[in-house]
Amino acid sequence: MSAIARVLLDMGFKVTGSDVAANKLTESLAKRGAVIHLGHDAKLIDGADRVVYSSSIPAGNVELEAAKQSGLPIYHRSQMLAALLNDKKGVAVAGAHGKTTTSSMIAQVMEEAGADPTYIIGGEVVGLGSNAKAGKSDYVVAEADESDGTFLEYYPHIAVVTNIEPDHLENYEGSFENLKQAYRQFLSQVQPEGVAVLGWDDEYVREIAQESDARIIRYALDREADVRARNIRQHLRQIHFTVEYKGEILGEVTLNIPGRHNVANALATIVVCLEAGVPFNKIAEGLSRFQGAKRRFHVIGEVDDILVVDDYAHHPTEIEATLKGLKALNRRIVAVFQPQRYSRTHLLMEEFSRAFADADLVIISSIYSPPGEAPIEGVTSERLTEMVRENSNPEALYLETNEDVEKYLLEHAQPGDLVLTMGAGDIWRVAHNLVPALVKLKTPQNYR
């Protein structure tokens, strides 16, 4: 919502909005000229031409009800984004994992190469200092969210599908086949002169591609494809690889974020930017300066050789890929995971329990659940911790609160550790609190 508001402000529209509390996003929008109200009131829609709402707004919200009664045009967030994306050369990045990182890479590379895109990203792009901007070119870069089916609002010029997994099935009548069918429809909506950029290592992406009439460019790490990463080498926090495009060596790329999954994200970025007319040398330069998006392997700080990183990984596959990518750093990996939602934890308990083999120590905190979600009997972090010990890592412990986790880490973290917080809830607070606490702990007066 904040990203869409930023773009509309940049385009010259008057934007007003309401939230339950002030935060950095509302403050930033206010500085850009938005009129922000705290609390919801039916009178706040007075003077509006259109009303935009997000999925987090419940039915019966007073402003939404007032808009309906007034006959105002009402848009879901995805419909407003679609209105921006479908009108130009939209680049829509879909997939179970990697959407934010890949769309952030594309936006930063295009921006630094002078392509001047509009971009609307789910997380702040560190290298751009923002999650959104209205550019002057025809390109609009955005994430396409499959979780609630809203990505079917988009008719992109370039569609990226990184991977497909059976997640968010509660919005697809519990059917993985329904989710795959939604991806098939998404590809069918690529504009006739456009292209589908597909992660070919994923078996379900290959499956849905068989029925697509779109022009397809395939990228992969481990299978034959149009675009390949060859000679992948990792050194400290950098990863280097050679790019091969349809049998031709284009050159070398260096990433300053670790992990083979980020090499795959970079390959998707290379294909999209080449299609947009960006020269390979400019793409490689932009990728070398990419620092990630906030909450995507976001380095919070390093104190006394204790490296503290925060990551949004909240699905077993994401966790496993992230931890595997860190092994080459030769540090003791302390993985701190906060499960999100009883329903997701219930459906994926077994998969979660097998995802932590590459950590040296696993800390699991209480399940973070949105208001209104009822607990499920037997679905607890204590039980998940027991299963992790049984199935992937005997060095696992349960700590109930964020404060408990912070206290434990302050007492037990040691030089050479990489402390990684993971989850879609508020576990990021642990990483952000830990760094200043470690600094305070290491000041000279504490050694007297």
Protein backbone atom coordinates (compact mmCIF):
# COMPACT_ATOMS: atom_id res chain seq x y z
CA MET A 1 0.00 0.00 0.00
CA SER A 2 2.77 2.45 0.89
CA ALA A 3 4.59 1.73 -2.38
CA ILE A 4 1.46 2.42 -4.43
CA ALA A 5 0.86 5.62 -2.45
CA ARG A 6 4.44 6.76 -3.16
CA VAL A 7 4.05 6.20 -6.90
CA LEU A 8 0.69 8.01 -7.03
CA LEU A 9 2.23 10.95 -5.14
CA ASP A 10 5.15 11.02 -7.58
CA MET A 11 2.63 11.06 -10.44
CA GLY A 12 1.00 14.17 -9.00
CA PHE A 13 -2.13 12.71 -7.41
CA LYS A 14 -3.41 13.85 -4.03
CA VAL A 15 -3.24 10.90 -1.63
CA THR A 16 -4.89 10.55 1.77
CA GLY A 17 -5.01 7.50 4.00
CA SER A 18 -5.56 6.12 7.46
CA ASP A 19 -3.76 3.65 9.69
CA VAL A 20 -4.18 2.43 13.23
CA ALA A 21 -0.83 3.88 14.37
CA ALA A 22 2.02 6.04 13.13
CA ASN A 23 5.10 4.28 11.79
CA LYS A 24 8.09 4.97 9.54
CA LEU A 25 6.03 4.37 6.41
CA THR A 26 3.26 6.80 7.39
CA GLU A 27 5.86 9.39 8.40
CA SER A 28 7.68 8.98 5.08
CA LEU A 29 4.45 9.35 3.12
CA ALA A 30 3.49 12.44 5.07
CA LYS A 31 6.83 14.04 4.20
CA ARG A 32 6.11 13.34 0.52
CA GLY A 33 2.78 15.15 0.78
CA ALA A 34 0.25 12.50 1.75
CA VAL A 35 -2.43 13.40 4.30
CA ILE A 36 -2.30 10.67 6.95
CA HIS A 37 -4.97 10.11 9.60
CA LEU A 38 -4.58 7.87 12.63
CA GLY A 39 -7.64 5.76 13.29
CA HIS A 40 -10.53 4.99 10.96
CA ASP A 41 -13.50 7.30 10.46
CA ALA A 42 -16.21 7.30 7.79
CA LYS A 43 -15.69 11.06 7.26
CA LEU A 44 -12.14 10.45 6.02
CA ILE A 45 -13.39 9.43 2.56
CA ASP A 46 -14.96 12.84 2.00
CA GLY A 47 -13.53 14.38 -1.17
CA ALA A 48 -12.06 11.11 -2.45
CA ASP A 49 -12.44 10.07 -6.09
CA ARG A 50 -11.31 6.47 -5.49
CA VAL A 51 -10.77 4.28 -2.43
CA VAL A 52 -8.01 1.66 -2.28
CA TYR A 53 -7.87 -1.00 0.44
CA SER A 54 -5.60 -3.93 1.31
CA SER A 55 -6.41 -7.52 2.29
CA SER A 56 -5.71 -6.65 5.93
CA ILE A 57 -8.78 -4.38 6.06
CA PRO A 58 -11.69 -6.40 7.50
CA ALA A 59 -15.21 -6.42 6.14
CA GLY A 60 -17.25 -3.81 7.95
CA ASN A 61 -14.46 -1.24 8.17
CA VAL A 62 -16.23 2.12 8.56
CA GLU A 63 -14.38 3.83 5.70
CA LEU A 64 -14.92 0.91 3.34
CA GLU A 65 -18.62 0.76 4.21
CA ALA A 66 -18.97 4.51 3.72
CA ALA A 67 -17.30 4.25 0.32
CA LYS A 68 -19.75 1.51 -0.72
CA GLN A 69 -22.74 3.56 0.41
CA SER A 70 -21.42 6.62 -1.45
CA GLY A 71 -20.97 4.64 -4.66
CA LEU A 72 -17.28 5.51 -4.89
CA PRO A 73 -15.07 3.30 -7.08
CA ILE A 74 -13.33 0.84 -4.73
CA TYR A 75 -10.10 -0.94 -5.66
CA HIS A 76 -8.26 -3.72 -3.92
CA ARG A 77 -4.54 -2.95 -3.67
CA SER A 78 -3.82 -5.45 -6.46
CA GLN A 79 -6.35 -3.78 -8.76
CA MET A 80 -4.71 -0.39 -8.25
CA LEU A 81 -1.31 -1.91 -8.96
CA ALA A 82 -2.72 -3.65 -12.04
CA ALA A 83 -4.04 -0.31 -13.33
CA LEU A 84 -0.47 1.02 -13.16
CA LEU A 85 1.23 -2.12 -14.53
CA ASN A 86 -1.14 -3.15 -17.32
CA ASP A 87 -1.10 0.29 -18.91
CA LYS A 88 2.62 0.08 -19.68
CA LYS A 89 5.33 -2.55 -20.19
CA GLY A 90 4.73 -4.37 -16.94
CA VAL A 91 7.36 -6.66 -15.43
CA ALA A 92 5.49 -8.91 -12.97
CA VAL A 93 7.58 -11.21 -10.76
CA ALA A 94 5.70 -14.22 -9.39
CA GLY A 95 6.72 -17.36 -7.53
CA ALA A 96 6.72 -19.02 -4.13
CA HIS A 97 10.14 -17.60 -3.22
CA GLY A 98 12.43 -14.88 -4.48
CA LYS A 99 9.80 -12.36 -5.62
CA THR A 100 11.03 -9.43 -3.56
CA THR A 101 14.73 -10.05 -4.16
CA THR A 102 14.28 -10.57 -7.91
CA SER A 103 12.01 -7.56 -8.42
CA SER A 104 14.40 -5.47 -6.29
CA MET A 105 17.36 -6.58 -8.42
CA ILE A 106 15.51 -5.74 -11.62
CA ALA A 107 14.46 -2.31 -10.33
CA GLN A 108 17.96 -1.39 -9.11
CA VAL A 109 19.76 -2.59 -12.25
CA MET A 110 17.31 -0.77 -14.54
CA GLU A 111 17.44 2.38 -12.42
CA GLU A 112 21.25 2.49 -12.29
CA ALA A 113 21.46 1.80 -16.03
CA GLY A 114 19.31 4.86 -16.73
CA ALA A 115 16.21 2.95 -17.84
CA ASP A 116 14.12 5.02 -15.36
CA PRO A 117 11.46 2.40 -14.48
CA THR A 118 8.48 2.78 -12.24
CA TYR A 119 8.89 0.21 -9.47
CA ILE A 120 6.61 -0.98 -6.69
CA ILE A 121 8.39 -3.45 -4.38
CA GLY A 122 7.20 -5.27 -1.26
CA GLY A 123 10.33 -4.35 0.72
CA GLU A 124 12.65 -1.36 0.70
CA VAL A 125 15.49 -1.80 -1.79
CA VAL A 126 18.60 -0.92 0.23
CA GLY A 127 20.55 0.39 -2.77
CA LEU A 128 17.67 2.65 -3.84
CA GLY A 129 16.59 3.78 -0.38
CA SER A 130 12.94 3.25 -1.27
CA ASN A 131 10.34 0.65 -2.21
CA ALA A 132 8.73 2.69 -4.96
CA LYS A 133 9.21 5.40 -7.57
CA ALA A 134 7.30 6.71 -10.58
CA GLY A 135 9.70 6.63 -13.51
CA LYS A 136 9.34 8.20 -16.94
CA SER A 137 9.96 5.07 -19.06
CA ASP A 138 7.35 2.52 -20.17
CA TYR A 139 8.57 -0.13 -17.71
CA VAL A 140 6.77 -0.89 -14.44
CA VAL A 141 8.41 -3.47 -12.14
CA ALA A 142 6.31 -5.12 -9.42
CA GLU A 143 5.80 -8.31 -7.46
CA ALA A 144 2.86 -10.48 -8.48
CA ASP A 145 1.43 -12.09 -5.35
CA GLU A 146 0.00 -15.56 -5.82
CA SER A 147 -0.89 -16.00 -2.14
CA ASP A 148 -4.45 -14.71 -2.56
CA GLY A 149 -4.78 -15.04 -6.33
CA THR A 150 -4.45 -11.31 -6.96
CA PHE A 151 -1.62 -11.84 -9.46
CA LEU A 152 -4.34 -12.75 -11.95
CA GLU A 153 -5.17 -9.04 -12.17
CA TYR A 154 -1.97 -8.51 -14.19
CA TYR A 155 -1.40 -8.67 -17.95
CA PRO A 156 2.37 -8.20 -18.04
CA HIS A 157 4.77 -7.55 -20.88
CA ILE A 158 7.35 -9.69 -19.03
CA ALA A 159 6.22 -12.35 -16.55
CA VAL A 160 8.77 -13.99 -14.27
CA VAL A 161 7.96 -17.22 -12.40
CA THR A 162 10.79 -18.19 -10.05
CA ASN A 163 9.30 -21.39 -8.59
CA ILE A 164 6.01 -22.94 -7.48
CA GLU A 165 5.21 -24.65 -4.18
CA PRO A 166 2.03 -25.81 -2.43
CA ASP A 167 1.68 -22.81 -0.11
CA HIS A 168 -1.35 -20.58 0.66
CA LEU A 169 -3.63 -23.43 -0.38
CA GLU A 170 -6.31 -22.12 1.96
CA ASN A 171 -7.02 -19.59 -0.81
CA TYR A 172 -7.21 -22.33 -3.47
CA GLU A 173 -9.77 -24.63 -1.82
CA GLY A 174 -6.88 -26.66 -0.39
CA SER A 175 -5.85 -27.78 -3.88
CA PHE A 176 -2.32 -27.56 -5.27
CA GLU A 177 -3.76 -28.23 -8.71
CA ASN A 178 -5.89 -25.09 -8.37
CA LEU A 179 -2.77 -23.10 -7.53
CA LYS A 180 -0.92 -24.49 -10.56
CA GLN A 181 -3.91 -23.67 -12.73
CA ALA A 182 -3.72 -20.08 -11.49
CA TYR A 183 -0.09 -19.94 -12.62
CA ARG A 184 -1.13 -21.32 -16.02
CA GLN A 185 -3.68 -18.52 -16.31
CA PHE A 186 -1.04 -15.96 -15.25
CA LEU A 187 1.22 -17.07 -18.11
CA SER A 188 -1.71 -16.98 -20.53
CA GLN A 189 -2.09 -13.28 -19.71
CA VAL A 190 1.38 -12.32 -20.95
CA GLN A 191 0.94 -9.74 -23.70
CA PRO A 192 1.31 -11.13 -27.26
CA GLU A 193 4.63 -9.36 -27.89
CA GLY A 194 5.89 -10.20 -24.38
CA VAL A 195 7.87 -13.04 -22.81
CA ALA A 196 7.70 -15.47 -19.90
CA VAL A 197 10.97 -15.82 -17.95
CA LEU A 198 10.87 -19.14 -16.14
CA GLY A 199 12.98 -20.78 -13.44
CA TRP A 200 13.62 -24.08 -15.21
CA ASP A 201 15.07 -25.92 -12.21
CA ASP A 202 11.55 -26.13 -10.74
CA GLU A 203 9.52 -29.15 -11.84
CA TYR A 204 6.16 -27.41 -11.44
CA VAL A 205 7.30 -24.44 -13.52
CA ARG A 206 8.30 -26.88 -16.27
CA GLU A 207 4.88 -28.54 -15.94
CA ILE A 208 2.83 -25.36 -16.40
CA ALA A 209 5.11 -24.17 -19.22
CA GLN A 210 3.98 -27.08 -21.40
CA GLU A 211 0.60 -25.41 -21.88
CA SER A 212 1.83 -21.87 -22.41
CA ASP A 213 1.64 -20.11 -25.76
CA ALA A 214 3.91 -17.29 -24.59
CA ARG A 215 7.48 -16.89 -25.82
CA ILE A 216 9.59 -18.49 -23.11
CA ILE A 217 13.14 -17.89 -21.91
CA ARG A 218 14.36 -20.49 -19.43
CA TYR A 219 17.02 -19.93 -16.78
CA ALA A 220 18.57 -22.56 -14.53
CA LEU A 221 21.46 -23.58 -12.32
CA ASP A 222 21.21 -27.35 -12.59
CA ARG A 223 19.36 -28.09 -15.85
CA GLU A 224 19.91 -27.29 -19.49
CA ALA A 225 18.26 -23.95 -20.24
CA ASP A 226 18.58 -20.83 -22.37
CA VAL A 227 20.49 -19.01 -19.62
CA ARG A 228 22.89 -20.77 -17.26
CA ALA A 229 25.23 -19.82 -14.44
CA ARG A 230 28.56 -21.59 -14.90
CA ASN A 231 31.56 -21.91 -12.57
CA ILE A 232 29.78 -20.68 -9.41
CA ARG A 233 32.32 -19.76 -6.70
CA GLN A 234 31.67 -18.35 -3.25
CA HIS A 235 34.29 -16.41 -1.27
CA LEU A 236 33.37 -14.91 2.09
CA ARG A 237 30.12 -12.95 1.46
CA GLN A 238 30.61 -12.75 -2.30
CA ILE A 239 29.51 -15.19 -4.96
CA HIS A 240 30.94 -15.20 -8.51
CA PHE A 241 29.66 -16.90 -11.65
CA THR A 242 29.87 -16.90 -15.44
CA VAL A 243 26.73 -16.18 -17.48
CA GLU A 244 26.01 -18.29 -20.57
CA TYR A 245 23.15 -17.20 -22.85
CA LYS A 246 22.11 -19.70 -25.54
CA GLY A 247 25.63 -21.10 -25.76
CA GLU A 248 27.36 -17.70 -25.73
CA ILE A 249 29.45 -16.55 -22.74
CA LEU A 250 28.28 -13.04 -21.83
CA GLY A 251 30.72 -12.47 -18.97
CA GLU A 252 31.26 -12.59 -15.22
CA VAL A 253 28.96 -11.46 -12.42
CA THR A 254 29.78 -10.86 -8.76
CA LEU A 255 27.05 -10.72 -6.11
CA ASN A 256 27.61 -9.33 -2.65
CA ILE A 257 24.83 -11.44 -1.17
CA PRO A 258 25.50 -15.16 -0.67
CA GLY A 259 23.57 -18.24 -1.75
CA ARG A 260 22.92 -20.18 -4.95
CA HIS A 261 19.26 -19.12 -4.81
CA ASN A 262 20.41 -15.53 -5.30
CA VAL A 263 22.37 -16.63 -8.38
CA ALA A 264 19.05 -17.88 -9.77
CA ASN A 265 17.41 -14.56 -8.90
CA ALA A 266 20.26 -12.78 -10.69
CA LEU A 267 19.77 -14.92 -13.81
CA ALA A 268 16.10 -13.90 -13.97
CA THR A 269 17.18 -10.28 -13.57
CA ILE A 270 19.73 -10.60 -16.40
CA VAL A 271 17.10 -11.99 -18.79
CA VAL A 272 14.55 -9.29 -17.96
CA CYS A 273 17.06 -6.45 -18.26
CA LEU A 274 18.46 -7.78 -21.55
CA GLU A 275 14.89 -7.91 -22.87
CA ALA A 276 14.48 -4.28 -21.75
CA GLY A 277 17.57 -3.30 -23.75
CA VAL A 278 20.08 -2.91 -20.91
CA PRO A 279 23.62 -3.94 -22.00
CA PHE A 280 25.14 -6.89 -20.13
CA ASN A 281 28.05 -4.83 -18.74
CA LYS A 282 25.56 -2.42 -17.14
CA ILE A 283 23.59 -5.35 -15.73
CA ALA A 284 26.74 -6.88 -14.18
CA GLU A 285 27.70 -3.51 -12.66
CA GLY A 286 24.25 -3.07 -11.15
CA LEU A 287 24.17 -6.59 -9.72
CA SER A 288 27.59 -6.09 -8.12
CA ARG A 289 26.19 -3.11 -6.19
CA PHE A 290 22.97 -4.84 -5.13
CA GLN A 291 22.75 -5.01 -1.34
CA GLY A 292 19.39 -6.72 -1.10
CA ALA A 293 15.98 -5.67 0.13
CA LYS A 294 15.22 -5.13 3.77
CA ARG A 295 14.41 -8.43 5.47
CA ARG A 296 16.07 -10.36 2.62
CA PHE A 297 19.46 -11.36 4.05
CA HIS A 298 19.69 -7.88 5.54
CA VAL A 299 22.95 -7.45 7.45
CA ILE A 300 21.98 -5.54 10.60
CA GLY A 301 25.50 -5.24 12.01
CA GLU A 302 28.68 -6.94 13.14
CA VAL A 303 30.02 -6.62 16.70
CA ASP A 304 33.12 -8.40 17.98
CA ASP A 305 33.01 -10.72 14.92
CA ILE A 306 29.38 -11.63 15.65
CA LEU A 307 27.48 -11.06 12.41
CA VAL A 308 23.73 -10.36 12.84
CA VAL A 309 21.46 -10.87 9.81
CA ASP A 310 17.67 -10.73 9.37
CA ASP A 311 15.75 -12.61 6.70
CA TYR A 312 12.09 -13.00 5.75
CA ALA A 313 12.43 -16.78 5.19
CA HIS A 314 9.21 -18.28 6.56
CA HIS A 315 8.71 -21.40 4.41
CA PRO A 316 10.72 -24.65 4.80
CA THR A 317 12.25 -24.39 1.33
CA GLU A 318 13.35 -20.80 1.94
CA ILE A 319 14.87 -21.70 5.29
CA GLU A 320 16.75 -24.67 3.87
CA ALA A 321 18.08 -22.69 0.89
CA THR A 322 19.16 -19.76 3.05
CA LEU A 323 21.00 -21.94 5.57
CA LYS A 324 22.65 -23.99 2.83
CA GLY A 325 23.88 -20.79 1.20
CA LEU A 326 25.59 -19.71 4.42
CA LYS A 327 27.73 -22.81 4.90
CA ALA A 328 30.48 -21.40 2.67
CA LEU A 329 30.94 -18.47 5.09
CA ASN A 330 32.62 -20.83 7.57
CA ARG A 331 30.84 -19.40 10.59
CA ARG A 332 28.85 -21.03 13.36
CA ILE A 333 25.26 -20.50 12.21
CA VAL A 334 22.72 -19.68 14.93
CA ALA A 335 19.29 -19.88 13.26
CA VAL A 336 16.47 -18.12 15.11
CA PHE A 337 13.09 -19.00 13.65
CA GLN A 338 9.65 -17.66 14.50
CA PRO A 339 6.84 -19.69 12.88
CA GLN A 340 3.99 -17.63 11.46
CA ARG A 341 0.35 -18.69 11.61
CA TYR A 342 -0.99 -21.85 13.23
CA SER A 343 -2.44 -22.93 9.88
CA ARG A 344 0.89 -22.74 7.99
CA THR A 345 2.76 -24.40 10.87
CA HIS A 346 0.16 -27.18 10.98
CA LEU A 347 0.30 -27.86 7.24
CA LEU A 348 4.11 -27.75 7.03
CA MET A 349 5.19 -29.04 10.46
CA GLU A 350 7.02 -32.05 9.02
CA GLU A 351 8.75 -29.96 6.34
CA PHE A 352 9.78 -27.30 8.87
CA SER A 353 11.25 -29.98 11.12
CA ARG A 354 13.59 -31.14 8.33
CA ALA A 355 14.78 -27.68 7.22
CA PHE A 356 17.48 -26.89 9.80
CA ALA A 357 20.23 -29.43 9.12
CA ASP A 358 22.75 -26.77 8.04
CA ALA A 359 22.49 -24.70 11.23
CA ASP A 360 24.80 -25.26 14.18
CA LEU A 361 22.21 -24.10 16.70
CA VAL A 362 18.45 -23.65 16.21
CA ILE A 363 16.30 -21.41 18.40
CA ILE A 364 12.54 -21.50 17.86
CA SER A 365 10.22 -18.92 19.42
CA SER A 366 6.45 -18.93 19.86
CA ILE A 367 4.17 -18.93 16.83
CA TYR A 368 3.39 -15.43 15.56
CA SER A 369 -0.29 -15.34 14.72
CA PRO A 370 -2.40 -12.48 13.33
CA PRO A 371 -5.40 -11.32 15.36
CA GLY A 372 -8.39 -13.57 14.94
CA GLU A 373 -6.56 -16.79 14.05
CA ALA A 374 -7.51 -19.57 16.45
CA PRO A 375 -4.82 -21.89 17.84
CA ILE A 376 -4.81 -25.47 16.58
CA GLU A 377 -4.52 -28.22 19.16
CA GLY A 378 -1.08 -29.81 19.13
CA VAL A 379 0.44 -27.12 16.88
CA THR A 380 3.00 -25.44 19.10
CA SER A 381 6.59 -24.24 18.85
CA GLU A 382 7.51 -26.65 21.64
CA ARG A 383 6.33 -29.56 19.49
CA LEU A 384 8.09 -28.18 16.42
CA THR A 385 11.33 -27.91 18.41
CA GLU A 386 11.03 -31.57 19.43
CA MET A 387 10.51 -32.56 15.79
CA VAL A 388 13.51 -30.49 14.64
CA ARG A 389 15.66 -32.38 17.18
CA GLU A 390 14.34 -35.68 15.84
CA ASN A 391 14.44 -34.92 12.09
CA SER A 392 17.24 -32.48 11.28
CA ASN A 393 19.14 -30.91 14.16
CA PRO A 394 19.60 -32.16 17.72
CA GLU A 395 20.89 -28.73 18.76
CA ALA A 396 17.48 -27.06 18.91
CA LEU A 397 15.83 -25.24 21.79
CA TYR A 398 12.57 -23.42 22.39
CA LEU A 399 12.49 -19.90 23.83
CA GLU A 400 9.05 -18.39 24.25
CA THR A 401 9.42 -14.63 23.67
CA ASN A 402 11.62 -12.27 21.69
CA GLU A 403 12.99 -10.99 24.98
CA ASP A 404 13.97 -14.54 25.99
CA VAL A 405 15.77 -14.97 22.66
CA GLU A 406 17.64 -11.65 23.00
CA LYS A 407 18.76 -12.49 26.54
CA TYR A 408 19.99 -15.94 25.48
CA LEU A 409 21.93 -14.57 22.50
CA LEU A 410 23.57 -11.86 24.59
CA GLU A 411 24.78 -14.51 27.01
CA HIS A 412 25.82 -17.18 24.48
CA ALA A 413 26.77 -15.55 21.14
CA GLN A 414 30.50 -15.76 20.49
CA PRO A 415 33.00 -14.37 17.96
CA GLY A 416 32.66 -16.13 14.61
CA ASP A 417 28.89 -16.59 14.97
CA LEU A 418 26.35 -15.66 12.32
CA VAL A 419 23.07 -14.99 14.09
CA LEU A 420 20.21 -15.24 11.57
CA THR A 421 16.65 -14.28 12.50
CA MET A 422 13.99 -15.73 10.18
CA GLY A 423 10.23 -15.42 9.89
CA ALA A 424 7.38 -13.28 8.60
CA GLY A 425 6.36 -11.97 12.03
CA ASP A 426 8.16 -9.57 14.36
CA ILE A 427 11.32 -11.66 14.93
CA TRP A 428 13.26 -8.93 13.09
CA ARG A 429 13.09 -6.95 16.33
CA VAL A 430 15.51 -9.44 17.90
CA ALA A 431 18.19 -8.71 15.28
CA HIS A 432 17.69 -4.96 15.52
CA ASN A 433 17.81 -5.02 19.34
CA LEU A 434 20.73 -7.43 19.53
CA VAL A 435 23.29 -5.29 17.69
CA PRO A 436 23.10 -2.23 20.01
CA ALA A 437 22.92 -4.55 23.03
CA LEU A 438 26.14 -6.26 21.89
CA VAL A 439 27.79 -2.87 21.34
CA LYS A 440 26.85 -1.83 24.86
CA LEU A 441 28.05 -5.16 26.24
CA LYS A 442 31.45 -4.77 24.52
CA THR A 443 32.13 -1.16 25.63
CA PRO A 444 35.25 -0.76 27.85
CA GLN A 445 33.37 -0.05 31.08
CA ASN A 446 31.88 -3.51 30.91
CA TYR A 447 35.37 -5.04 31.09
CA ARG A 448 36.33 -3.24 34.34
